[in-house]
Amino acid sequence: MNISSAILYIAPARLDEACALLVAMPGVEIHARSDEGKVVVTIENDDTNAAAECYAALHGVPGVASVAMVYQYSDDELVTDTEEVGL
């Protein structure tokens, strides 16, 4: 599992168009946006490679001027219920 968040700056004239494309991307969710073009997103994917590909794809969305990752969490190990309780 991979969860990350990013702040995007999008040209204000293309904000609606870009946001529509962002929410159509698998695993991408918009949490906040301003009229000035700042958009906060999270990206949730099953593995690190898919997350990296999605992050790279953010740069290709029309109107996106910059993307800055602000948080990233990755956990490749599957924890079972018995491991959690120490059995």
PDB file of N, CA and C in Angstrom:
ATOM      1  N   MET A   1       0.845  -1.166   0.000  1.00  0.00           N
ATOM      2  CA  MET A   1       0.000   0.000   0.000  1.00  0.00           C
ATOM      3  C   MET A   1       0.895   1.235   0.000  1.00  0.00           C
ATOM      4  N   ASN A   2       0.491   2.227  -0.735  1.00  0.00           N
ATOM      5  CA  ASN A   2       1.226   3.478  -0.804  1.00  0.00           C
ATOM      6  C   ASN A   2       0.226   4.617  -0.742  1.00  0.00           C
ATOM      7  N   ILE A   3       0.459   5.531   0.194  1.00  0.00           N
ATOM      8  CA  ILE A   3      -0.385   6.715   0.341  1.00  0.00           C
ATOM      9  C   ILE A   3       0.534   7.920   0.313  1.00  0.00           C
ATOM     10  N   SER A   4       0.201   8.889  -0.499  1.00  0.00           N
ATOM     11  CA  SER A   4       0.988  10.111  -0.533  1.00  0.00           C
ATOM     12  C   SER A   4       0.055  11.296  -0.748  1.00  0.00           C
ATOM     13  N   SER A   5       0.585  12.471  -0.454  1.00  0.00           N
ATOM     14  CA  SER A   5      -0.185  13.688  -0.711  1.00  0.00           C
ATOM     15  C   SER A   5       0.712  14.677  -1.426  1.00  0.00           C
ATOM     16  N   ALA A   6       0.075  15.543  -2.188  1.00  0.00           N
ATOM     17  CA  ALA A   6       0.816  16.528  -2.965  1.00  0.00           C
ATOM     18  C   ALA A   6       0.017  17.811  -3.052  1.00  0.00           C
ATOM     19  N   ILE A   7       0.749  18.897  -3.248  1.00  0.00           N
ATOM     20  CA  ILE A   7       0.140  20.187  -3.525  1.00  0.00           C
ATOM     21  C   ILE A   7       0.465  20.523  -4.968  1.00  0.00           C
ATOM     22  N   LEU A   8      -0.562  20.828  -5.736  1.00  0.00           N
ATOM     23  CA  LEU A   8      -0.393  21.181  -7.136  1.00  0.00           C
ATOM     24  C   LEU A   8      -0.717  22.652  -7.316  1.00  0.00           C
ATOM     25  N   TYR A   9       0.008  23.296  -8.225  1.00  0.00           N
ATOM     26  CA  TYR A   9      -0.376  24.636  -8.642  1.00  0.00           C
ATOM     27  C   TYR A   9      -0.871  24.511 -10.070  1.00  0.00           C
ATOM     28  N   ILE A  10      -2.092  24.934 -10.298  1.00  0.00           N
ATOM     29  CA  ILE A  10      -2.741  24.824 -11.601  1.00  0.00           C
ATOM     30  C   ILE A  10      -3.105  26.223 -12.079  1.00  0.00           C
ATOM     31  N   ALA A  11      -2.875  26.474 -13.356  1.00  0.00           N
ATOM     32  CA  ALA A  11      -3.257  27.769 -13.927  1.00  0.00           C
ATOM     33  C   ALA A  11      -4.747  27.992 -13.653  1.00  0.00           C
ATOM     34  N   PRO A  12      -5.101  29.095 -13.002  1.00  0.00           N
ATOM     35  CA  PRO A  12      -6.493  29.331 -12.627  1.00  0.00           C
ATOM     36  C   PRO A  12      -7.481  29.205 -13.784  1.00  0.00           C
ATOM     37  N   ALA A  13      -7.090  29.572 -14.980  1.00  0.00           N
ATOM     38  CA  ALA A  13      -7.993  29.476 -16.127  1.00  0.00           C
ATOM     39  C   ALA A  13      -8.310  28.030 -16.493  1.00  0.00           C
ATOM     40  N   ARG A  14      -7.465  27.087 -16.051  1.00  0.00           N
ATOM     41  CA  ARG A  14      -7.674  25.674 -16.380  1.00  0.00           C
ATOM     42  C   ARG A  14      -8.020  24.846 -15.151  1.00  0.00           C
ATOM     43  N   LEU A  15      -8.345  25.491 -14.054  1.00  0.00           N
ATOM     44  CA  LEU A  15      -8.564  24.803 -12.782  1.00  0.00           C
ATOM     45  C   LEU A  15      -9.691  23.773 -12.855  1.00  0.00           C
ATOM     46  N   ASP A  16     -10.838  24.140 -13.366  1.00  0.00           N
ATOM     47  CA  ASP A  16     -11.964  23.205 -13.429  1.00  0.00           C
ATOM     48  C   ASP A  16     -11.637  22.007 -14.318  1.00  0.00           C
ATOM     49  N   GLU A  17     -11.052  22.278 -15.469  1.00  0.00           N
ATOM     50  CA  GLU A  17     -10.674  21.202 -16.401  1.00  0.00           C
ATOM     51  C   GLU A  17      -9.672  20.251 -15.754  1.00  0.00           C
ATOM     52  N   ALA A  18      -8.639  20.801 -15.133  1.00  0.00           N
ATOM     53  CA  ALA A  18      -7.604  19.975 -14.517  1.00  0.00           C
ATOM     54  C   ALA A  18      -8.165  19.156 -13.351  1.00  0.00           C
ATOM     55  N   CYS A  19      -9.008  19.756 -12.535  1.00  0.00           N
ATOM     56  CA  CYS A  19      -9.586  19.025 -11.400  1.00  0.00           C
ATOM     57  C   CYS A  19     -10.464  17.875 -11.870  1.00  0.00           C
ATOM     58  N   ALA A  20     -11.184  18.072 -12.967  1.00  0.00           N
ATOM     59  CA  ALA A  20     -12.002  16.991 -13.512  1.00  0.00           C
ATOM     60  C   ALA A  20     -11.126  15.829 -13.963  1.00  0.00           C
ATOM     61  N   LEU A  21      -9.982  16.135 -14.552  1.00  0.00           N
ATOM     62  CA  LEU A  21      -9.055  15.084 -14.968  1.00  0.00           C
ATOM     63  C   LEU A  21      -8.405  14.404 -13.765  1.00  0.00           C
ATOM     64  N   LEU A  22      -8.104  15.173 -12.736  1.00  0.00           N
ATOM     65  CA  LEU A  22      -7.476  14.601 -11.542  1.00  0.00           C
ATOM     66  C   LEU A  22      -8.384  13.588 -10.856  1.00  0.00           C
ATOM     67  N   VAL A  23      -9.646  13.933 -10.657  1.00  0.00           N
ATOM     68  CA  VAL A  23     -10.544  13.014  -9.959  1.00  0.00           C
ATOM     69  C   VAL A  23     -10.855  11.775 -10.797  1.00  0.00           C
ATOM     70  N   ALA A  24     -10.606  11.842 -12.092  1.00  0.00           N
ATOM     71  CA  ALA A  24     -10.805  10.673 -12.951  1.00  0.00           C
ATOM     72  C   ALA A  24      -9.625   9.706 -12.879  1.00  0.00           C
ATOM     73  N   MET A  25      -8.513  10.147 -12.305  1.00  0.00           N
ATOM     74  CA  MET A  25      -7.331   9.285 -12.185  1.00  0.00           C
ATOM     75  C   MET A  25      -7.546   8.305 -11.028  1.00  0.00           C
ATOM     76  N   PRO A  26      -7.266   7.018 -11.250  1.00  0.00           N
ATOM     77  CA  PRO A  26      -7.445   6.024 -10.182  1.00  0.00           C
ATOM     78  C   PRO A  26      -6.581   6.356  -8.962  1.00  0.00           C
ATOM     79  N   GLY A  27      -7.204   6.358  -7.795  1.00  0.00           N
ATOM     80  CA  GLY A  27      -6.487   6.571  -6.548  1.00  0.00           C
ATOM     81  C   GLY A  27      -6.277   8.015  -6.148  1.00  0.00           C
ATOM     82  N   VAL A  28      -6.681   8.962  -6.997  1.00  0.00           N
ATOM     83  CA  VAL A  28      -6.468  10.387  -6.706  1.00  0.00           C
ATOM     84  C   VAL A  28      -7.751  10.980  -6.132  1.00  0.00           C
ATOM     85  N   GLU A  29      -7.590  11.720  -5.035  1.00  0.00           N
ATOM     86  CA  GLU A  29      -8.721  12.401  -4.410  1.00  0.00           C
ATOM     87  C   GLU A  29      -8.313  13.838  -4.100  1.00  0.00           C
ATOM     88  N   ILE A  30      -9.181  14.780  -4.436  1.00  0.00           N
ATOM     89  CA  ILE A  30      -8.934  16.192  -4.127  1.00  0.00           C
ATOM     90  C   ILE A  30      -9.515  16.488  -2.759  1.00  0.00           C
ATOM     91  N   HIS A  31      -8.700  17.129  -1.910  1.00  0.00           N
ATOM     92  CA  HIS A  31      -9.149  17.474  -0.559  1.00  0.00           C
ATOM     93  C   HIS A  31      -9.390  18.961  -0.369  1.00  0.00           C
ATOM     94  N   ALA A  32      -8.708  19.776  -1.164  1.00  0.00           N
ATOM     95  CA  ALA A  32      -8.899  21.230  -1.063  1.00  0.00           C
ATOM     96  C   ALA A  32      -8.437  21.871  -2.358  1.00  0.00           C
ATOM     97  N   ARG A  33      -9.030  23.010  -2.666  1.00  0.00           N
ATOM     98  CA  ARG A  33      -8.597  23.783  -3.825  1.00  0.00           C
ATOM     99  C   ARG A  33      -8.943  25.249  -3.593  1.00  0.00           C
ATOM    100  N   SER A  34      -8.137  26.119  -4.175  1.00  0.00           N
ATOM    101  CA  SER A  34      -8.398  27.549  -4.062  1.00  0.00           C
ATOM    102  C   SER A  34      -8.608  28.126  -5.454  1.00  0.00           C
ATOM    103  N   ASP A  35      -9.241  29.279  -5.509  1.00  0.00           N
ATOM    104  CA  ASP A  35      -9.466  29.945  -6.792  1.00  0.00           C
ATOM    105  C   ASP A  35      -8.154  30.367  -7.449  1.00  0.00           C
ATOM    106  N   GLU A  36      -7.099  30.482  -6.639  1.00  0.00           N
ATOM    107  CA  GLU A  36      -5.788  30.872  -7.164  1.00  0.00           C
ATOM    108  C   GLU A  36      -5.061  29.714  -7.829  1.00  0.00           C
ATOM    109  N   GLY A  37      -5.592  28.481  -7.708  1.00  0.00           N
ATOM    110  CA  GLY A  37      -5.001  27.339  -8.392  1.00  0.00           C
ATOM    111  C   GLY A  37      -4.240  26.357  -7.523  1.00  0.00           C
ATOM    112  N   LYS A  38      -4.278  26.535  -6.222  1.00  0.00           N
ATOM    113  CA  LYS A  38      -3.620  25.571  -5.333  1.00  0.00           C
ATOM    114  C   LYS A  38      -4.590  24.435  -5.046  1.00  0.00           C
ATOM    115  N   VAL A  39      -4.112  23.196  -5.233  1.00  0.00           N
ATOM    116  CA  VAL A  39      -4.956  22.019  -5.059  1.00  0.00           C
ATOM    117  C   VAL A  39      -4.198  20.995  -4.221  1.00  0.00           C
ATOM    118  N   VAL A  40      -4.862  20.457  -3.199  1.00  0.00           N
ATOM    119  CA  VAL A  40      -4.273  19.426  -2.341  1.00  0.00           C
ATOM    120  C   VAL A  40      -4.918  18.096  -2.716  1.00  0.00           C
ATOM    121  N   VAL A  41      -4.074  17.099  -3.028  1.00  0.00           N
ATOM    122  CA  VAL A  41      -4.580  15.779  -3.396  1.00  0.00           C
ATOM    123  C   VAL A  41      -3.903  14.701  -2.558  1.00  0.00           C
ATOM    124  N   THR A  42      -4.591  13.564  -2.438  1.00  0.00           N
ATOM    125  CA  THR A  42      -3.940  12.353  -1.945  1.00  0.00           C
ATOM    126  C   THR A  42      -3.966  11.342  -3.080  1.00  0.00           C
ATOM    127  N   ILE A  43      -2.963  10.476  -3.036  1.00  0.00           N
ATOM    128  CA  ILE A  43      -2.830   9.410  -4.025  1.00  0.00           C
ATOM    129  C   ILE A  43      -2.707   8.115  -3.248  1.00  0.00           C
ATOM    130  N   GLU A  44      -3.591   7.166  -3.528  1.00  0.00           N
ATOM    131  CA  GLU A  44      -3.544   5.876  -2.845  1.00  0.00           C
ATOM    132  C   GLU A  44      -3.466   4.775  -3.898  1.00  0.00           C
ATOM    133  N   ASN A  45      -2.397   3.957  -3.811  1.00  0.00           N
ATOM    134  CA  ASN A  45      -2.183   2.873  -4.758  1.00  0.00           C
ATOM    135  C   ASN A  45      -1.761   1.615  -4.016  1.00  0.00           C
ATOM    136  N   ASP A  46      -1.847   0.480  -4.718  1.00  0.00           N
ATOM    137  CA  ASP A  46      -1.480  -0.793  -4.113  1.00  0.00           C
ATOM    138  C   ASP A  46       0.016  -0.985  -3.964  1.00  0.00           C
ATOM    139  N   ASP A  47       0.801  -0.384  -4.842  1.00  0.00           N
ATOM    140  CA  ASP A  47       2.252  -0.577  -4.754  1.00  0.00           C
ATOM    141  C   ASP A  47       3.002   0.702  -5.095  1.00  0.00           C
ATOM    142  N   THR A  48       4.286   0.703  -4.812  1.00  0.00           N
ATOM    143  CA  THR A  48       5.119   1.886  -4.993  1.00  0.00           C
ATOM    144  C   THR A  48       5.245   2.270  -6.461  1.00  0.00           C
ATOM    145  N   ASN A  49       5.355   1.286  -7.350  1.00  0.00           N
ATOM    146  CA  ASN A  49       5.485   1.601  -8.780  1.00  0.00           C
ATOM    147  C   ASN A  49       4.252   2.309  -9.311  1.00  0.00           C
ATOM    148  N   ALA A  50       3.077   1.829  -8.957  1.00  0.00           N
ATOM    149  CA  ALA A  50       1.838   2.464  -9.407  1.00  0.00           C
ATOM    150  C   ALA A  50       1.732   3.885  -8.854  1.00  0.00           C
ATOM    151  N   ALA A  51       2.158   4.066  -7.614  1.00  0.00           N
ATOM    152  CA  ALA A  51       2.123   5.403  -7.012  1.00  0.00           C
ATOM    153  C   ALA A  51       3.074   6.349  -7.730  1.00  0.00           C
ATOM    154  N   ALA A  52       4.254   5.864  -8.070  1.00  0.00           N
ATOM    155  CA  ALA A  52       5.232   6.694  -8.775  1.00  0.00           C
ATOM    156  C   ALA A  52       4.727   7.072 -10.164  1.00  0.00           C
ATOM    157  N   GLU A  53       4.086   6.126 -10.845  1.00  0.00           N
ATOM    158  CA  GLU A  53       3.525   6.414 -12.167  1.00  0.00           C
ATOM    159  C   GLU A  53       2.405   7.447 -12.071  1.00  0.00           C
ATOM    160  N   CYS A  54       1.583   7.334 -11.051  1.00  0.00           N
ATOM    161  CA  CYS A  54       0.495   8.293 -10.860  1.00  0.00           C
ATOM    162  C   CYS A  54       1.059   9.673 -10.547  1.00  0.00           C
ATOM    163  N   TYR A  55       2.057   9.723  -9.678  1.00  0.00           N
ATOM    164  CA  TYR A  55       2.687  10.997  -9.328  1.00  0.00           C
ATOM    165  C   TYR A  55       3.266  11.666 -10.574  1.00  0.00           C
ATOM    166  N   ALA A  56       3.926  10.882 -11.416  1.00  0.00           N
ATOM    167  CA  ALA A  56       4.492  11.421 -12.657  1.00  0.00           C
ATOM    168  C   ALA A  56       3.385  11.906 -13.584  1.00  0.00           C
ATOM    169  N   ALA A  57       2.255  11.189 -13.603  1.00  0.00           N
ATOM    170  CA  ALA A  57       1.140  11.570 -14.475  1.00  0.00           C
ATOM    171  C   ALA A  57       0.519  12.904 -14.061  1.00  0.00           C
ATOM    172  N   LEU A  58       0.616  13.263 -12.786  1.00  0.00           N
ATOM    173  CA  LEU A  58       0.079  14.552 -12.330  1.00  0.00           C
ATOM    174  C   LEU A  58       0.719  15.704 -13.089  1.00  0.00           C
ATOM    175  N   HIS A  59       2.005  15.564 -13.407  1.00  0.00           N
ATOM    176  CA  HIS A  59       2.733  16.613 -14.126  1.00  0.00           C
ATOM    177  C   HIS A  59       2.203  16.804 -15.542  1.00  0.00           C
ATOM    178  N   GLY A  60       1.572  15.770 -16.101  1.00  0.00           N
ATOM    179  CA  GLY A  60       1.078  15.841 -17.469  1.00  0.00           C
ATOM    180  C   GLY A  60      -0.347  16.335 -17.620  1.00  0.00           C
ATOM    181  N   VAL A  61      -1.011  16.613 -16.516  1.00  0.00           N
ATOM    182  CA  VAL A  61      -2.387  17.112 -16.588  1.00  0.00           C
ATOM    183  C   VAL A  61      -2.354  18.545 -17.120  1.00  0.00           C
ATOM    184  N   PRO A  62      -3.106  18.832 -18.169  1.00  0.00           N
ATOM    185  CA  PRO A  62      -3.111  20.187 -18.736  1.00  0.00           C
ATOM    186  C   PRO A  62      -3.441  21.252 -17.685  1.00  0.00           C
ATOM    187  N   GLY A  63      -2.609  22.276 -17.643  1.00  0.00           N
ATOM    188  CA  GLY A  63      -2.804  23.366 -16.688  1.00  0.00           C
ATOM    189  C   GLY A  63      -1.964  23.240 -15.436  1.00  0.00           C
ATOM    190  N   VAL A  64      -1.441  22.051 -15.145  1.00  0.00           N
ATOM    191  CA  VAL A  64      -0.628  21.862 -13.942  1.00  0.00           C
ATOM    192  C   VAL A  64       0.751  22.480 -14.175  1.00  0.00           C
ATOM    193  N   ALA A  65       1.100  23.456 -13.347  1.00  0.00           N
ATOM    194  CA  ALA A  65       2.384  24.136 -13.464  1.00  0.00           C
ATOM    195  C   ALA A  65       3.446  23.500 -12.564  1.00  0.00           C
ATOM    196  N   SER A  66       3.020  22.989 -11.391  1.00  0.00           N
ATOM    197  CA  SER A  66       3.974  22.351 -10.486  1.00  0.00           C
ATOM    198  C   SER A  66       3.263  21.363  -9.576  1.00  0.00           C
ATOM    199  N   VAL A  67       4.042  20.364  -9.136  1.00  0.00           N
ATOM    200  CA  VAL A  67       3.561  19.340  -8.217  1.00  0.00           C
ATOM    201  C   VAL A  67       4.617  19.165  -7.137  1.00  0.00           C
ATOM    202  N   ALA A  68       4.211  19.256  -5.877  1.00  0.00           N
ATOM    203  CA  ALA A  68       5.146  19.064  -4.766  1.00  0.00           C
ATOM    204  C   ALA A  68       4.596  18.002  -3.825  1.00  0.00           C
ATOM    205  N   MET A  69       5.325  16.896  -3.696  1.00  0.00           N
ATOM    206  CA  MET A  69       4.901  15.851  -2.768  1.00  0.00           C
ATOM    207  C   MET A  69       5.208  16.335  -1.351  1.00  0.00           C
ATOM    208  N   VAL A  70       4.225  16.210  -0.457  1.00  0.00           N
ATOM    209  CA  VAL A  70       4.416  16.667   0.916  1.00  0.00           C
ATOM    210  C   VAL A  70       4.381  15.531   1.930  1.00  0.00           C
ATOM    211  N   TYR A  71       3.906  14.350   1.513  1.00  0.00           N
ATOM    212  CA  TYR A  71       3.844  13.215   2.426  1.00  0.00           C
ATOM    213  C   TYR A  71       3.839  11.939   1.606  1.00  0.00           C
ATOM    214  N   GLN A  72       4.509  10.900   2.126  1.00  0.00           N
ATOM    215  CA  GLN A  72       4.499   9.608   1.456  1.00  0.00           C
ATOM    216  C   GLN A  72       4.652   8.516   2.493  1.00  0.00           C
ATOM    217  N   TYR A  73       3.799   7.500   2.417  1.00  0.00           N
ATOM    218  CA  TYR A  73       3.855   6.334   3.296  1.00  0.00           C
ATOM    219  C   TYR A  73       3.754   5.090   2.428  1.00  0.00           C
ATOM    220  N   SER A  74       4.626   4.139   2.691  1.00  0.00           N
ATOM    221  CA  SER A  74       4.599   2.892   1.939  1.00  0.00           C
ATOM    222  C   SER A  74       4.769   1.735   2.899  1.00  0.00           C
ATOM    223  N   ASP A  75       3.937   0.712   2.718  1.00  0.00           N
ATOM    224  CA  ASP A  75       4.023  -0.487   3.543  1.00  0.00           C
ATOM    225  C   ASP A  75       3.873  -1.681   2.629  1.00  0.00           C
ATOM    226  N   ASP A  76       4.960  -2.401   2.423  1.00  0.00           N
ATOM    227  CA  ASP A  76       4.944  -3.546   1.520  1.00  0.00           C
ATOM    228  C   ASP A  76       4.607  -4.847   2.215  1.00  0.00           C
ATOM    229  N   GLU A  77       4.615  -4.855   3.531  1.00  0.00           N
ATOM    230  CA  GLU A  77       4.341  -6.082   4.259  1.00  0.00           C
ATOM    231  C   GLU A  77       2.868  -6.168   4.623  1.00  0.00           C
ATOM    232  N   LEU A  78       2.319  -7.362   4.474  1.00  0.00           N
ATOM    233  CA  LEU A  78       0.942  -7.615   4.855  1.00  0.00           C
ATOM    234  C   LEU A  78       0.929  -8.135   6.281  1.00  0.00           C
ATOM    235  N   VAL A  79       0.234  -7.459   7.174  1.00  0.00           N
ATOM    236  CA  VAL A  79       0.162  -7.866   8.580  1.00  0.00           C
ATOM    237  C   VAL A  79      -1.157  -8.601   8.777  1.00  0.00           C
ATOM    238  N   THR A  80      -1.074  -9.798   9.362  1.00  0.00           N
ATOM    239  CA  THR A  80      -2.287 -10.561   9.618  1.00  0.00           C
ATOM    240  C   THR A  80      -2.810 -10.235  10.995  1.00  0.00           C
ATOM    241  N   ASP A  81      -4.053 -10.610  11.265  1.00  0.00           N
ATOM    242  CA  ASP A  81      -4.667 -10.343  12.559  1.00  0.00           C
ATOM    243  C   ASP A  81      -3.899 -11.021  13.685  1.00  0.00           C
ATOM    244  N   THR A  82      -3.398 -12.232  13.468  1.00  0.00           N
ATOM    245  CA  THR A  82      -2.670 -12.929  14.525  1.00  0.00           C
ATOM    246  C   THR A  82      -1.337 -12.253  14.835  1.00  0.00           C
ATOM    247  N   GLU A  83      -0.707 -11.637  13.850  1.00  0.00           N
ATOM    248  CA  GLU A  83       0.537 -10.915  14.105  1.00  0.00           C
ATOM    249  C   GLU A  83       0.282  -9.670  14.943  1.00  0.00           C
ATOM    250  N   GLU A  84      -0.845  -9.023  14.725  1.00  0.00           N
ATOM    251  CA  GLU A  84      -1.167  -7.805  15.472  1.00  0.00           C
ATOM    252  C   GLU A  84      -1.375  -8.067  16.959  1.00  0.00           C
ATOM    253  N   VAL A  85      -1.944  -9.202  17.308  1.00  0.00           N
ATOM    254  CA  VAL A  85      -2.208  -9.481  18.716  1.00  0.00           C
ATOM    255  C   VAL A  85      -1.101 -10.331  19.344  1.00  0.00           C
ATOM    256  N   GLY A  86      -0.058 -10.641  18.594  1.00  0.00           N
ATOM    257  CA  GLY A  86       1.071 -11.364  19.141  1.00  0.00           C
ATOM    258  C   GLY A  86       0.869 -12.859  19.297  1.00  0.00           C
ATOM    259  N   LEU A  87      -0.013 -13.456  18.543  1.00  0.00           N
ATOM    260  CA  LEU A  87      -0.252 -14.900  18.621  1.00  0.00           C
ATOM    261  C   LEU A  87       0.707 -15.681  17.767  1.00  0.00           C
TER     262      LEU A  87
END
